[in-house]
């Protein structure tokens, strides 16, 4: 009986190994997402995070949320950091249109103008983080920095994002 048990165990073990090899081989051969899809997903993730971190500042500037210095510094630094990724977020291959992307074709048709707005956003995000690091509350300088960065967002959304 022991000999049959060992033979059966060897067969099952061999079958499991063969199945794992087959699964891994199939996964290795399966195509991943296209470069366009990856670019769109990265862009959406970057802007979602920037928006999530920035929304709190609007509430603070309007007096609807309390100012928290540590929270402000952390959020502002993250926005400035994420803004640096945006140069790589609009490759030509990612001009796929709706429903996959809300980026209008004008992003690529008016590339020089779009790049200027993107550069301004990056600069203002850096200035925003510097201002937040210096200010000790929801001061006028803080509110101005929030408004400037918010206008950058609105300007691009109005021109380059489908509703």
C-alpha atoms as a PDB file:
ATOM      1  CA  UNK A   1       0.000   0.000   0.000  1.00  0.00           C
ATOM      2  CA  UNK A   2       2.811   2.330   0.837  1.00  0.00           C
ATOM      3  CA  UNK A   3       4.329   1.890  -2.620  1.00  0.00           C
ATOM      4  CA  UNK A   4       1.001   2.843  -4.266  1.00  0.00           C
ATOM      5  CA  UNK A   5       0.584   5.801  -1.934  1.00  0.00           C
ATOM      6  CA  UNK A   6       4.049   7.110  -2.788  1.00  0.00           C
ATOM      7  CA  UNK A   7       3.382   6.624  -6.503  1.00  0.00           C
ATOM      8  CA  UNK A   8       0.070   8.502  -6.247  1.00  0.00           C
ATOM      9  CA  UNK A   9       1.706  11.269  -4.235  1.00  0.00           C
ATOM     10  CA  UNK A  10       4.458  11.593  -6.850  1.00  0.00           C
ATOM     11  CA  UNK A  11       1.883  11.779  -9.636  1.00  0.00           C
ATOM     12  CA  UNK A  12      -0.168  14.443  -7.849  1.00  0.00           C
ATOM     13  CA  UNK A  13       2.961  16.426  -7.006  1.00  0.00           C
ATOM     14  CA  UNK A  14       4.134  16.202 -10.606  1.00  0.00           C
ATOM     15  CA  UNK A  15       0.717  17.316 -11.839  1.00  0.00           C
ATOM     16  CA  UNK A  16       0.783  20.300  -9.488  1.00  0.00           C
ATOM     17  CA  UNK A  17       4.236  21.312 -10.680  1.00  0.00           C
ATOM     18  CA  UNK A  18       3.120  20.993 -14.310  1.00  0.00           C
ATOM     19  CA  UNK A  19       0.014  23.073 -13.616  1.00  0.00           C
ATOM     20  CA  UNK A  20       2.060  25.810 -11.938  1.00  0.00           C
ATOM     21  CA  UNK A  21       4.506  25.887 -14.840  1.00  0.00           C
ATOM     22  CA  UNK A  22       1.614  26.115 -17.309  1.00  0.00           C
ATOM     23  CA  UNK A  23      -0.006  28.969 -15.366  1.00  0.00           C
ATOM     24  CA  UNK A  24       3.256  30.894 -15.059  1.00  0.00           C
ATOM     25  CA  UNK A  25       4.005  30.397 -18.741  1.00  0.00           C
ATOM     26  CA  UNK A  26       0.538  31.637 -19.695  1.00  0.00           C
ATOM     27  CA  UNK A  27       0.933  34.692 -17.454  1.00  0.00           C
ATOM     28  CA  UNK A  28       4.336  35.454 -18.939  1.00  0.00           C
ATOM     29  CA  UNK A  29       2.892  35.333 -22.449  1.00  0.00           C
ATOM     30  CA  UNK A  30      -0.278  37.322 -21.713  1.00  0.00           C
ATOM     31  CA  UNK A  31       0.061  40.880 -22.929  1.00  0.00           C
ATOM     32  CA  UNK A  32      -0.094  43.582 -20.287  1.00  0.00           C
ATOM     33  CA  UNK A  33      -1.940  46.843 -20.629  1.00  0.00           C
ATOM     34  CA  UNK A  34      -0.995  48.990 -23.595  1.00  0.00           C
ATOM     35  CA  UNK A  35       1.390  51.932 -23.124  1.00  0.00           C
ATOM     36  CA  UNK A  36      -1.567  54.256 -23.852  1.00  0.00           C
ATOM     37  CA  UNK A  37      -3.661  52.661 -21.102  1.00  0.00           C
ATOM     38  CA  UNK A  38      -0.766  52.862 -18.652  1.00  0.00           C
ATOM     39  CA  UNK A  39      -0.219  56.562 -19.450  1.00  0.00           C
ATOM     40  CA  UNK A  40      -3.919  57.356 -18.971  1.00  0.00           C
ATOM     41  CA  UNK A  41      -4.094  55.382 -15.712  1.00  0.00           C
ATOM     42  CA  UNK A  42      -0.975  57.117 -14.378  1.00  0.00           C
ATOM     43  CA  UNK A  43      -2.349  60.535 -15.345  1.00  0.00           C
ATOM     44  CA  UNK A  44      -5.689  59.825 -13.660  1.00  0.00           C
ATOM     45  CA  UNK A  45      -3.927  58.623 -10.507  1.00  0.00           C
ATOM     46  CA  UNK A  46      -1.662  61.677 -10.354  1.00  0.00           C
ATOM     47  CA  UNK A  47      -4.527  64.127 -10.771  1.00  0.00           C
ATOM     48  CA  UNK A  48      -6.754  62.233  -8.343  1.00  0.00           C
ATOM     49  CA  UNK A  49      -4.071  62.419  -5.668  1.00  0.00           C
ATOM     50  CA  UNK A  50      -3.331  66.091  -6.361  1.00  0.00           C
ATOM     51  CA  UNK A  51      -7.041  66.905  -6.151  1.00  0.00           C
ATOM     52  CA  UNK A  52      -7.488  64.904  -2.960  1.00  0.00           C
ATOM     53  CA  UNK A  53      -4.560  66.657  -1.285  1.00  0.00           C
ATOM     54  CA  UNK A  54      -5.601  70.122  -2.549  1.00  0.00           C
ATOM     55  CA  UNK A  55      -9.318  69.986  -1.688  1.00  0.00           C
ATOM     56  CA  UNK A  56      -8.557  70.433   2.008  1.00  0.00           C
ATOM     57  CA  UNK A  57      -6.723  73.722   1.301  1.00  0.00           C
ATOM     58  CA  UNK A  58      -9.806  75.176  -0.345  1.00  0.00           C
ATOM     59  CA  UNK A  59     -11.855  74.335   2.721  1.00  0.00           C
ATOM     60  CA  UNK A  60      -9.251  75.941   4.993  1.00  0.00           C
ATOM     61  CA  UNK A  61      -9.008  79.073   2.815  1.00  0.00           C
ATOM     62  CA  UNK A  62     -12.826  79.453   2.915  1.00  0.00           C
ATOM     63  CA  UNK A  63     -12.847  78.974   6.692  1.00  0.00           C
ATOM     64  CA  UNK A  64     -14.684  75.645   6.501  1.00  0.00           C
ATOM     65  CA  UNK A  65     -11.858  73.580   8.000  1.00  0.00           C
ATOM     66  CA  UNK A  66      -9.305  74.345  10.704  1.00  0.00           C
ATOM     67  CA  UNK A  67      -5.722  75.049   9.726  1.00  0.00           C
ATOM     68  CA  UNK A  68      -3.275  72.351  10.787  1.00  0.00           C
ATOM     69  CA  UNK A  69       0.347  73.274  10.117  1.00  0.00           C
ATOM     70  CA  UNK A  70       1.696  69.704   9.921  1.00  0.00           C
ATOM     71  CA  UNK A  71      -1.155  68.620   7.652  1.00  0.00           C
ATOM     72  CA  UNK A  72      -0.697  71.671   5.423  1.00  0.00           C
ATOM     73  CA  UNK A  73       3.040  71.092   4.998  1.00  0.00           C
ATOM     74  CA  UNK A  74       2.546  67.393   4.255  1.00  0.00           C
ATOM     75  CA  UNK A  75      -0.206  67.983   1.692  1.00  0.00           C
ATOM     76  CA  UNK A  76       1.588  70.864  -0.035  1.00  0.00           C
ATOM     77  CA  UNK A  77       4.827  68.878  -0.318  1.00  0.00           C
ATOM     78  CA  UNK A  78       2.927  65.951  -1.847  1.00  0.00           C
ATOM     79  CA  UNK A  79       1.233  68.209  -4.403  1.00  0.00           C
ATOM     80  CA  UNK A  80       4.583  69.717  -5.438  1.00  0.00           C
ATOM     81  CA  UNK A  81       6.111  66.242  -5.686  1.00  0.00           C
ATOM     82  CA  UNK A  82       3.278  64.828  -7.782  1.00  0.00           C
ATOM     83  CA  UNK A  83       3.314  67.858 -10.083  1.00  0.00           C
ATOM     84  CA  UNK A  84       6.810  66.833 -11.187  1.00  0.00           C
ATOM     85  CA  UNK A  85       5.410  63.647 -12.750  1.00  0.00           C
ATOM     86  CA  UNK A  86       3.015  65.494 -15.049  1.00  0.00           C
ATOM     87  CA  UNK A  87       5.561  66.177 -17.816  1.00  0.00           C
ATOM     88  CA  UNK A  88       5.461  62.473 -18.640  1.00  0.00           C
ATOM     89  CA  UNK A  89       1.700  62.112 -18.276  1.00  0.00           C
ATOM     90  CA  UNK A  90       0.573  63.220 -21.722  1.00  0.00           C
ATOM     91  CA  UNK A  91       2.481  61.224 -24.353  1.00  0.00           C
ATOM     92  CA  UNK A  92       0.931  61.312 -27.833  1.00  0.00           C
ATOM     93  CA  UNK A  93      -0.125  57.669 -27.531  1.00  0.00           C
ATOM     94  CA  UNK A  94      -2.433  58.612 -24.648  1.00  0.00           C
ATOM     95  CA  UNK A  95      -4.629  60.771 -26.909  1.00  0.00           C
ATOM     96  CA  UNK A  96      -7.359  58.121 -26.778  1.00  0.00           C
ATOM     97  CA  UNK A  97     -10.450  60.234 -26.094  1.00  0.00           C
ATOM     98  CA  UNK A  98     -13.534  59.402 -24.125  1.00  0.00           C
ATOM     99  CA  UNK A  99     -14.580  57.237 -22.417  1.00  0.00           C
ATOM    100  CA  UNK A 100     -11.021  56.160 -21.550  1.00  0.00           C
ATOM    101  CA  UNK A 101      -9.700  59.659 -20.984  1.00  0.00           C
ATOM    102  CA  UNK A 102     -11.205  63.071 -20.372  1.00  0.00           C
ATOM    103  CA  UNK A 103      -8.175  64.804 -21.894  1.00  0.00           C
ATOM    104  CA  UNK A 104      -9.339  66.753 -24.947  1.00  0.00           C
ATOM    105  CA  UNK A 105      -7.444  66.433 -28.249  1.00  0.00           C
ATOM    106  CA  UNK A 106      -6.438  70.096 -27.773  1.00  0.00           C
ATOM    107  CA  UNK A 107      -3.799  68.897 -25.290  1.00  0.00           C
ATOM    108  CA  UNK A 108      -1.832  67.556 -28.262  1.00  0.00           C
ATOM    109  CA  UNK A 109      -3.042  70.044 -30.908  1.00  0.00           C
ATOM    110  CA  UNK A 110      -1.974  72.989 -28.727  1.00  0.00           C
ATOM    111  CA  UNK A 111       0.997  71.234 -27.146  1.00  0.00           C
ATOM    112  CA  UNK A 112       3.162  74.338 -26.691  1.00  0.00           C
ATOM    113  CA  UNK A 113       0.387  76.248 -24.909  1.00  0.00           C
ATOM    114  CA  UNK A 114      -0.529  73.200 -22.848  1.00  0.00           C
ATOM    115  CA  UNK A 115       3.112  72.695 -21.847  1.00  0.00           C
ATOM    116  CA  UNK A 116       3.286  76.345 -20.718  1.00  0.00           C
ATOM    117  CA  UNK A 117       0.244  75.878 -18.493  1.00  0.00           C
ATOM    118  CA  UNK A 118       1.688  72.661 -17.121  1.00  0.00           C
ATOM    119  CA  UNK A 119       5.018  74.379 -16.373  1.00  0.00           C
ATOM    120  CA  UNK A 120       3.168  77.206 -14.606  1.00  0.00           C
ATOM    121  CA  UNK A 121       1.247  74.666 -12.518  1.00  0.00           C
ATOM    122  CA  UNK A 122       4.509  72.956 -11.535  1.00  0.00           C
ATOM    123  CA  UNK A 123       6.099  76.300 -10.592  1.00  0.00           C
ATOM    124  CA  UNK A 124       3.020  77.385  -8.653  1.00  0.00           C
ATOM    125  CA  UNK A 125       2.891  74.004  -6.871  1.00  0.00           C
ATOM    126  CA  UNK A 126       6.507  74.513  -5.779  1.00  0.00           C
ATOM    127  CA  UNK A 127       5.791  78.113  -4.687  1.00  0.00           C
ATOM    128  CA  UNK A 128       2.665  76.879  -2.927  1.00  0.00           C
ATOM    129  CA  UNK A 129       4.672  74.341  -0.920  1.00  0.00           C
ATOM    130  CA  UNK A 130       7.268  77.013  -0.053  1.00  0.00           C
ATOM    131  CA  UNK A 131       4.548  79.444   1.041  1.00  0.00           C
ATOM    132  CA  UNK A 132       2.809  76.836   3.184  1.00  0.00           C
ATOM    133  CA  UNK A 133       6.144  75.949   4.785  1.00  0.00           C
ATOM    134  CA  UNK A 134       6.697  79.627   5.745  1.00  0.00           C
ATOM    135  CA  UNK A 135       3.194  80.600   6.823  1.00  0.00           C
ATOM    136  CA  UNK A 136       1.826  79.768  10.253  1.00  0.00           C
ATOM    137  CA  UNK A 137      -1.862  79.713   9.476  1.00  0.00           C
ATOM    138  CA  UNK A 138      -4.468  80.644   6.902  1.00  0.00           C
ATOM    139  CA  UNK A 139      -2.835  84.017   6.226  1.00  0.00           C
ATOM    140  CA  UNK A 140      -3.429  86.227   3.194  1.00  0.00           C
ATOM    141  CA  UNK A 141      -0.255  84.808   1.573  1.00  0.00           C
ATOM    142  CA  UNK A 142      -1.592  81.288   2.177  1.00  0.00           C
ATOM    143  CA  UNK A 143      -4.979  82.181   0.679  1.00  0.00           C
ATOM    144  CA  UNK A 144      -3.306  83.797  -2.349  1.00  0.00           C
ATOM    145  CA  UNK A 145      -1.181  80.695  -2.938  1.00  0.00           C
ATOM    146  CA  UNK A 146      -4.288  78.486  -2.692  1.00  0.00           C
ATOM    147  CA  UNK A 147      -6.145  80.733  -5.152  1.00  0.00           C
ATOM    148  CA  UNK A 148      -3.227  80.780  -7.620  1.00  0.00           C
ATOM    149  CA  UNK A 149      -2.898  77.019  -7.678  1.00  0.00           C
ATOM    150  CA  UNK A 150      -6.663  76.608  -7.896  1.00  0.00           C
ATOM    151  CA  UNK A 151      -6.742  78.948 -10.908  1.00  0.00           C
ATOM    152  CA  UNK A 152      -4.056  76.859 -12.602  1.00  0.00           C
ATOM    153  CA  UNK A 153      -6.240  73.775 -12.154  1.00  0.00           C
ATOM    154  CA  UNK A 154      -9.351  75.555 -13.397  1.00  0.00           C
ATOM    155  CA  UNK A 155      -7.535  77.013 -16.416  1.00  0.00           C
ATOM    156  CA  UNK A 156      -6.424  73.601 -17.633  1.00  0.00           C
ATOM    157  CA  UNK A 157      -9.741  71.931 -16.837  1.00  0.00           C
ATOM    158  CA  UNK A 158     -11.628  74.613 -18.774  1.00  0.00           C
ATOM    159  CA  UNK A 159      -9.374  74.282 -21.827  1.00  0.00           C
ATOM    160  CA  UNK A 160      -8.187  70.711 -21.847  1.00  0.00           C
ATOM    161  CA  UNK A 161     -10.583  68.465 -19.911  1.00  0.00           C
ATOM    162  CA  UNK A 162     -13.888  67.172 -21.211  1.00  0.00           C
ATOM    163  CA  UNK A 163     -16.766  67.775 -18.820  1.00  0.00           C
END
